[in-house]
Amino acid sequence: MIPIHDLQDANPFEIRVVELGELTNYNTSENHRHTYFELFFFEKGAGHHSIDFVDFEISSYSIQIVAPGQVHQMKREKNTNGFVVLFESSVFERDTLISNFLFDHICFDVNEFGPVYKFDDDVQKRMLLLFKTIWDDFNSDEPLKNEFVKANLSLVCIQCLRTLKSTPDKSKNQKTYVNFRRHLHNNFKELKKVKEYAAQLNISEKQLNEIVSSRTGVSASTVIYNQIVLESKRLLNSGLSTKEVAYELNFDDPSHFSKFFKKQSGTSPSEFQKIHA
């Protein structure tokens, strides 16, 4: 069963920093999930990192963000090093820009909103300095050290936002789309129909489909089904049986869930478990 890690005894503003030392042997971690964010910075990078069953290359001077609930497994090669910052979602709840950026990592799958950030040569030095400052502050006895760490972590997130090379879309349709994805993230176990989300957003099914299609190129129902399939994969990979996953996701009948999963993913639940055992 996939371990689920949380920050024991963490207060809402606690941030933890861990140094990723160079390895003497090739490292393969086990699949696991977190209830918190992990933000990795690789000074020297090599290997691969699987996040929600998609492989991403680990490269030098890059950042990778793993959101709460995502399943991941890191395969670092020798001579890789850097830092990882662990923090709860609530750390930036009063900072709309950063909290929205981080929440996108929770709401969207890794193919739609990528978890990897790479930087131009001139920015790489600044990023390394930022993380060394975060590391030094975290290990100091200075007053307000958590505030210093949080402030520098905010700068890290802003640098990641800059790599997207676009200003936030503040149009009404974009806000509706983001609200749809947030409602979906919170309610996909109970609500599985487009009309149910349209009702929550006070718009018609047609309007919701048009907004989602303009943003993603697919229908609202496809986005809903993709969310259900992704969580199904996470649960199946955790060791739960097909029957247990079906009931966890509020399917009335395990056979109905199996048919749904195979139609959407191309493999049966049992086949998926064998592939990712």
Protein backbone atom coordinates (compact mmCIF):
# COMPACT_ATOMS: atom_id res chain seq x y z
CA MET A 1 0.00 0.00 0.00
CA ILE A 2 1.28 3.49 -0.87
CA PRO A 3 2.42 5.36 2.26
CA ILE A 4 0.73 8.71 2.91
CA HIS A 5 3.01 11.17 4.70
CA ASP A 6 1.96 14.25 6.64
CA LEU A 7 3.76 16.93 8.63
CA GLN A 8 3.37 15.70 12.17
CA ASP A 9 2.77 18.43 14.75
CA ALA A 10 3.07 21.11 12.07
CA ASN A 11 1.59 24.50 12.81
CA PRO A 12 -0.07 26.41 9.93
CA PHE A 13 3.03 28.49 9.17
CA GLU A 14 5.68 25.85 9.52
CA ILE A 15 8.00 25.18 6.61
CA ARG A 16 10.59 22.43 6.63
CA VAL A 17 13.73 22.34 4.52
CA VAL A 18 15.80 19.24 3.76
CA GLU A 19 19.13 19.10 1.97
CA LEU A 20 19.35 16.53 -0.82
CA GLY A 21 22.87 15.20 -0.42
CA GLU A 22 24.82 13.59 -3.25
CA LEU A 23 24.19 9.86 -3.52
CA THR A 24 26.84 7.17 -3.51
CA ASN A 25 24.46 4.68 -5.12
CA TYR A 26 21.57 4.95 -7.58
CA ASN A 27 18.48 5.81 -5.53
CA THR A 28 14.94 4.53 -6.09
CA SER A 29 12.29 5.63 -3.62
CA GLU A 30 8.93 3.90 -3.26
CA ASN A 31 5.65 5.27 -4.55
CA HIS A 32 4.06 7.49 -1.92
CA ARG A 33 1.72 10.43 -1.35
CA HIS A 34 1.79 13.51 0.87
CA THR A 35 -0.78 15.71 2.57
CA TYR A 36 1.55 18.68 1.93
CA PHE A 37 3.59 20.26 -0.88
CA GLU A 38 7.12 19.21 -1.74
CA LEU A 39 9.13 21.71 -3.77
CA PHE A 40 12.41 20.27 -5.08
CA PHE A 41 15.34 22.34 -6.30
CA PHE A 42 18.10 20.38 -8.03
CA GLU A 43 21.50 22.06 -8.16
CA LYS A 44 22.90 19.00 -9.92
CA GLY A 45 20.22 16.84 -11.47
CA ALA A 46 20.03 13.45 -13.15
CA GLY A 47 17.47 10.66 -13.18
CA HIS A 48 13.69 10.60 -13.42
CA HIS A 49 10.77 11.57 -11.22
CA SER A 50 7.36 9.93 -11.70
CA ILE A 51 4.49 12.21 -10.68
CA ASP A 52 0.96 10.80 -11.04
CA PHE A 53 2.30 8.08 -13.37
CA VAL A 54 4.05 10.49 -15.75
CA ASP A 55 7.86 10.49 -15.95
CA PHE A 56 9.78 13.78 -15.75
CA GLU A 57 13.51 14.17 -16.25
CA ILE A 58 15.51 15.54 -13.33
CA SER A 59 17.83 18.27 -14.61
CA SER A 60 20.26 20.70 -12.99
CA TYR A 61 18.97 24.08 -11.77
CA SER A 62 15.34 23.03 -12.10
CA ILE A 63 12.37 22.94 -9.75
CA GLN A 64 9.75 20.22 -9.48
CA ILE A 65 6.59 20.65 -7.43
CA VAL A 66 4.63 17.72 -6.01
CA ALA A 67 1.16 18.67 -4.79
CA PRO A 68 -0.81 17.11 -1.92
CA GLY A 69 -2.47 13.86 -3.01
CA GLN A 70 -0.22 13.20 -5.99
CA VAL A 71 1.55 9.84 -6.17
CA HIS A 72 5.26 10.17 -6.87
CA GLN A 73 8.44 8.16 -7.00
CA MET A 74 11.90 9.66 -7.45
CA LYS A 75 14.80 7.86 -9.08
CA ARG A 76 17.80 10.10 -8.47
CA GLU A 77 21.14 9.14 -9.98
CA LYS A 78 24.56 9.60 -8.40
CA ASN A 79 25.99 13.09 -7.94
CA THR A 80 22.57 14.75 -7.76
CA ASN A 81 22.03 17.27 -4.99
CA GLY A 82 19.86 20.19 -3.97
CA PHE A 83 17.08 21.01 -1.52
CA VAL A 84 13.44 20.12 -0.88
CA VAL A 85 11.01 22.42 0.91
CA LEU A 86 7.98 20.87 2.63
CA PHE A 87 4.99 23.03 3.52
CA GLU A 88 1.24 22.94 4.05
CA SER A 89 -1.19 24.63 1.65
CA SER A 90 -2.23 26.98 4.44
CA VAL A 91 1.20 28.66 4.53
CA PHE A 92 0.24 31.00 1.67
CA GLU A 93 -3.51 31.19 2.20
CA ARG A 94 -3.37 35.00 2.57
CA ASP A 95 -1.26 35.48 -0.57
CA THR A 96 -3.69 35.14 -3.48
CA LEU A 97 -1.06 35.06 -6.22
CA ILE A 98 0.97 32.26 -4.63
CA SER A 99 -2.00 30.30 -3.27
CA ASN A 100 -3.68 30.28 -6.71
CA PHE A 101 -0.43 29.15 -8.34
CA LEU A 102 -0.04 26.30 -5.86
CA PHE A 103 -3.71 25.34 -6.02
CA ASP A 104 -3.39 24.92 -9.79
CA HIS A 105 -0.92 22.12 -9.07
CA ILE A 106 -3.57 20.45 -6.92
CA CYS A 107 -6.51 20.96 -9.30
CA PHE A 108 -4.96 20.24 -12.68
CA ASP A 109 -3.31 17.02 -13.78
CA VAL A 110 0.41 17.07 -14.60
CA ASN A 111 -0.20 17.04 -18.36
CA GLU A 112 -2.30 20.21 -18.18
CA PHE A 113 -0.26 22.08 -15.59
CA GLY A 114 3.31 20.81 -15.59
CA PRO A 115 5.24 20.38 -12.32
CA VAL A 116 8.70 21.19 -13.78
CA TYR A 117 10.28 24.67 -13.98
CA LYS A 118 13.55 25.48 -15.77
CA PHE A 119 15.39 28.79 -15.73
CA ASP A 120 17.63 30.89 -17.94
CA ASP A 121 21.33 30.99 -17.08
CA ASP A 122 21.17 34.36 -15.32
CA VAL A 123 18.22 33.24 -13.16
CA GLN A 124 19.89 29.95 -12.17
CA LYS A 125 22.44 31.74 -9.98
CA ARG A 126 19.68 33.71 -8.27
CA MET A 127 17.70 30.53 -7.62
CA LEU A 128 20.70 28.78 -6.10
CA LEU A 129 21.34 31.80 -3.85
CA LEU A 130 17.68 31.86 -2.81
CA PHE A 131 17.74 28.21 -1.77
CA LYS A 132 21.03 28.56 0.08
CA THR A 133 19.51 31.53 1.92
CA ILE A 134 16.40 29.47 2.73
CA TRP A 135 18.61 26.65 4.01
CA ASP A 136 20.72 28.99 6.15
CA ASP A 137 17.69 30.76 7.61
CA PHE A 138 15.94 27.47 8.36
CA ASN A 139 18.95 26.24 10.33
CA SER A 140 19.57 29.50 12.17
CA ASP A 141 18.42 30.65 15.59
CA GLU A 142 17.54 34.10 14.31
CA PRO A 143 14.21 35.67 15.34
CA LEU A 144 11.47 35.55 12.70
CA LYS A 145 13.38 32.89 10.77
CA ASN A 146 10.13 31.27 9.57
CA GLU A 147 9.03 34.60 8.09
CA PHE A 148 12.37 34.93 6.28
CA VAL A 149 12.04 31.40 4.89
CA LYS A 150 8.45 32.06 3.80
CA ALA A 151 9.39 35.35 2.11
CA ASN A 152 12.16 33.70 0.12
CA LEU A 153 9.93 30.76 -0.78
CA SER A 154 7.43 33.30 -2.16
CA LEU A 155 10.19 34.64 -4.41
CA VAL A 156 10.88 31.09 -5.60
CA CYS A 157 7.22 30.65 -6.57
CA ILE A 158 7.18 34.01 -8.36
CA GLN A 159 10.24 32.98 -10.37
CA CYS A 160 8.37 29.79 -11.34
CA LEU A 161 5.38 31.90 -12.39
CA ARG A 162 7.66 34.05 -14.54
CA THR A 163 8.75 31.01 -16.55
CA LEU A 164 5.16 30.58 -17.71
CA LYS A 165 5.71 33.82 -19.69
CA SER A 166 2.13 34.92 -19.40
CA THR A 167 0.18 37.16 -17.09
CA PRO A 168 -2.69 35.60 -15.17
CA ASP A 169 -5.90 35.51 -17.21
CA LYS A 170 -8.47 37.49 -15.23
CA SER A 171 -11.32 37.15 -17.71
CA LYS A 172 -14.75 36.04 -16.53
CA ASN A 173 -14.50 32.77 -18.47
CA GLN A 174 -11.12 31.97 -16.94
CA LYS A 175 -12.49 32.60 -13.45
CA THR A 176 -15.44 30.32 -14.22
CA TYR A 177 -13.09 27.62 -15.49
CA VAL A 178 -10.89 27.81 -12.40
CA ASN A 179 -13.97 27.69 -10.15
CA PHE A 180 -15.17 24.64 -12.07
CA ARG A 181 -11.83 22.89 -11.51
CA ARG A 182 -11.91 23.75 -7.82
CA HIS A 183 -15.45 22.46 -7.44
CA LEU A 184 -14.41 19.33 -9.33
CA HIS A 185 -11.40 18.79 -7.09
CA ASN A 186 -13.58 19.01 -3.99
CA ASN A 187 -16.64 17.11 -5.22
CA PHE A 188 -15.72 14.58 -7.93
CA LYS A 189 -16.54 11.62 -5.68
CA GLU A 190 -20.13 12.79 -5.32
CA LEU A 191 -20.79 14.86 -8.46
CA LYS A 192 -20.10 13.22 -11.81
CA LYS A 193 -22.40 15.08 -14.21
CA VAL A 194 -21.83 18.33 -16.11
CA LYS A 195 -25.24 19.67 -15.12
CA GLU A 196 -24.35 19.35 -11.43
CA TYR A 197 -21.28 21.57 -11.80
CA ALA A 198 -23.13 23.99 -14.07
CA ALA A 199 -25.75 24.38 -11.34
CA GLN A 200 -23.05 25.14 -8.75
CA LEU A 201 -21.63 27.82 -11.04
CA ASN A 202 -25.06 29.25 -11.92
CA ILE A 203 -24.55 28.76 -15.67
CA SER A 204 -26.02 26.40 -18.26
CA GLU A 205 -24.45 23.10 -19.31
CA LYS A 206 -23.86 24.59 -22.76
CA GLN A 207 -22.00 27.57 -21.29
CA LEU A 208 -19.83 25.33 -19.11
CA ASN A 209 -18.97 23.06 -22.04
CA GLU A 210 -18.05 26.05 -24.20
CA ILE A 211 -15.81 27.53 -21.49
CA VAL A 212 -14.08 24.21 -20.77
CA SER A 213 -13.66 23.42 -24.47
CA SER A 214 -12.11 26.81 -25.20
CA ARG A 215 -9.60 26.25 -22.38
CA THR A 216 -8.80 22.55 -22.88
CA GLY A 217 -10.09 21.45 -26.27
CA VAL A 218 -12.27 18.77 -24.67
CA SER A 219 -15.74 18.68 -23.12
CA ALA A 220 -16.52 19.27 -19.46
CA SER A 221 -17.54 15.62 -19.08
CA THR A 222 -14.09 14.53 -20.33
CA VAL A 223 -12.40 16.70 -17.70
CA ILE A 224 -14.68 15.23 -15.02
CA TYR A 225 -13.96 11.66 -16.14
CA ASN A 226 -10.22 12.34 -16.30
CA GLN A 227 -10.29 13.52 -12.68
CA ILE A 228 -12.12 10.37 -11.58
CA VAL A 229 -9.72 8.13 -13.53
CA LEU A 230 -6.67 9.87 -12.05
CA GLU A 231 -7.91 9.36 -8.49
CA SER A 232 -8.84 5.78 -9.39
CA LYS A 233 -5.24 5.16 -10.49
CA ARG A 234 -3.92 6.67 -7.27
CA LEU A 235 -6.16 4.44 -5.17
CA LEU A 236 -5.53 1.30 -7.22
CA ASN A 237 -1.80 1.92 -6.91
CA SER A 238 -2.20 2.22 -3.13
CA GLY A 239 -3.19 -1.43 -2.85
CA LEU A 240 -6.98 -1.07 -2.67
CA SER A 241 -9.04 -3.65 -4.54
CA THR A 242 -11.24 -2.73 -7.50
CA LYS A 243 -14.28 -3.14 -5.26
CA GLU A 244 -12.83 -0.88 -2.56
CA VAL A 245 -11.94 1.82 -5.10
CA ALA A 246 -15.42 1.63 -6.63
CA TYR A 247 -17.08 2.27 -3.30
CA GLU A 248 -14.53 4.93 -2.32
CA LEU A 249 -15.50 6.85 -5.47
CA ASN A 250 -19.23 6.29 -4.91
CA PHE A 251 -19.92 3.92 -7.79
CA ASP A 252 -23.00 1.83 -7.06
CA ASP A 253 -21.55 -1.32 -8.60
CA PRO A 254 -17.87 -2.44 -8.90
CA SER A 255 -18.60 -3.83 -12.37
CA HIS A 256 -19.86 -0.40 -13.45
CA PHE A 257 -16.64 1.13 -12.17
CA SER A 258 -14.52 -1.47 -14.00
CA LYS A 259 -16.30 -0.77 -17.29
CA PHE A 260 -15.96 2.99 -16.77
CA PHE A 261 -12.23 2.72 -15.94
CA LYS A 262 -11.43 0.51 -18.94
CA LYS A 263 -13.39 2.72 -21.33
CA GLN A 264 -11.62 5.87 -20.14
CA SER A 265 -8.09 4.53 -19.62
CA GLY A 266 -7.87 1.65 -22.08
CA THR A 267 -6.97 -0.92 -19.42
CA SER A 268 -8.94 -2.73 -16.74
CA PRO A 269 -8.29 -1.90 -13.05
CA SER A 270 -6.53 -5.25 -12.54
CA GLU A 271 -4.34 -4.71 -15.62
CA PHE A 272 -3.38 -1.25 -14.37
CA GLN A 273 -2.37 -2.71 -11.00
CA LYS A 274 -0.18 -5.33 -12.66
CA ILE A 275 1.57 -2.73 -14.82
CA HIS A 276 2.27 -0.44 -11.85
CA ALA A 277 2.92 -3.12 -9.21
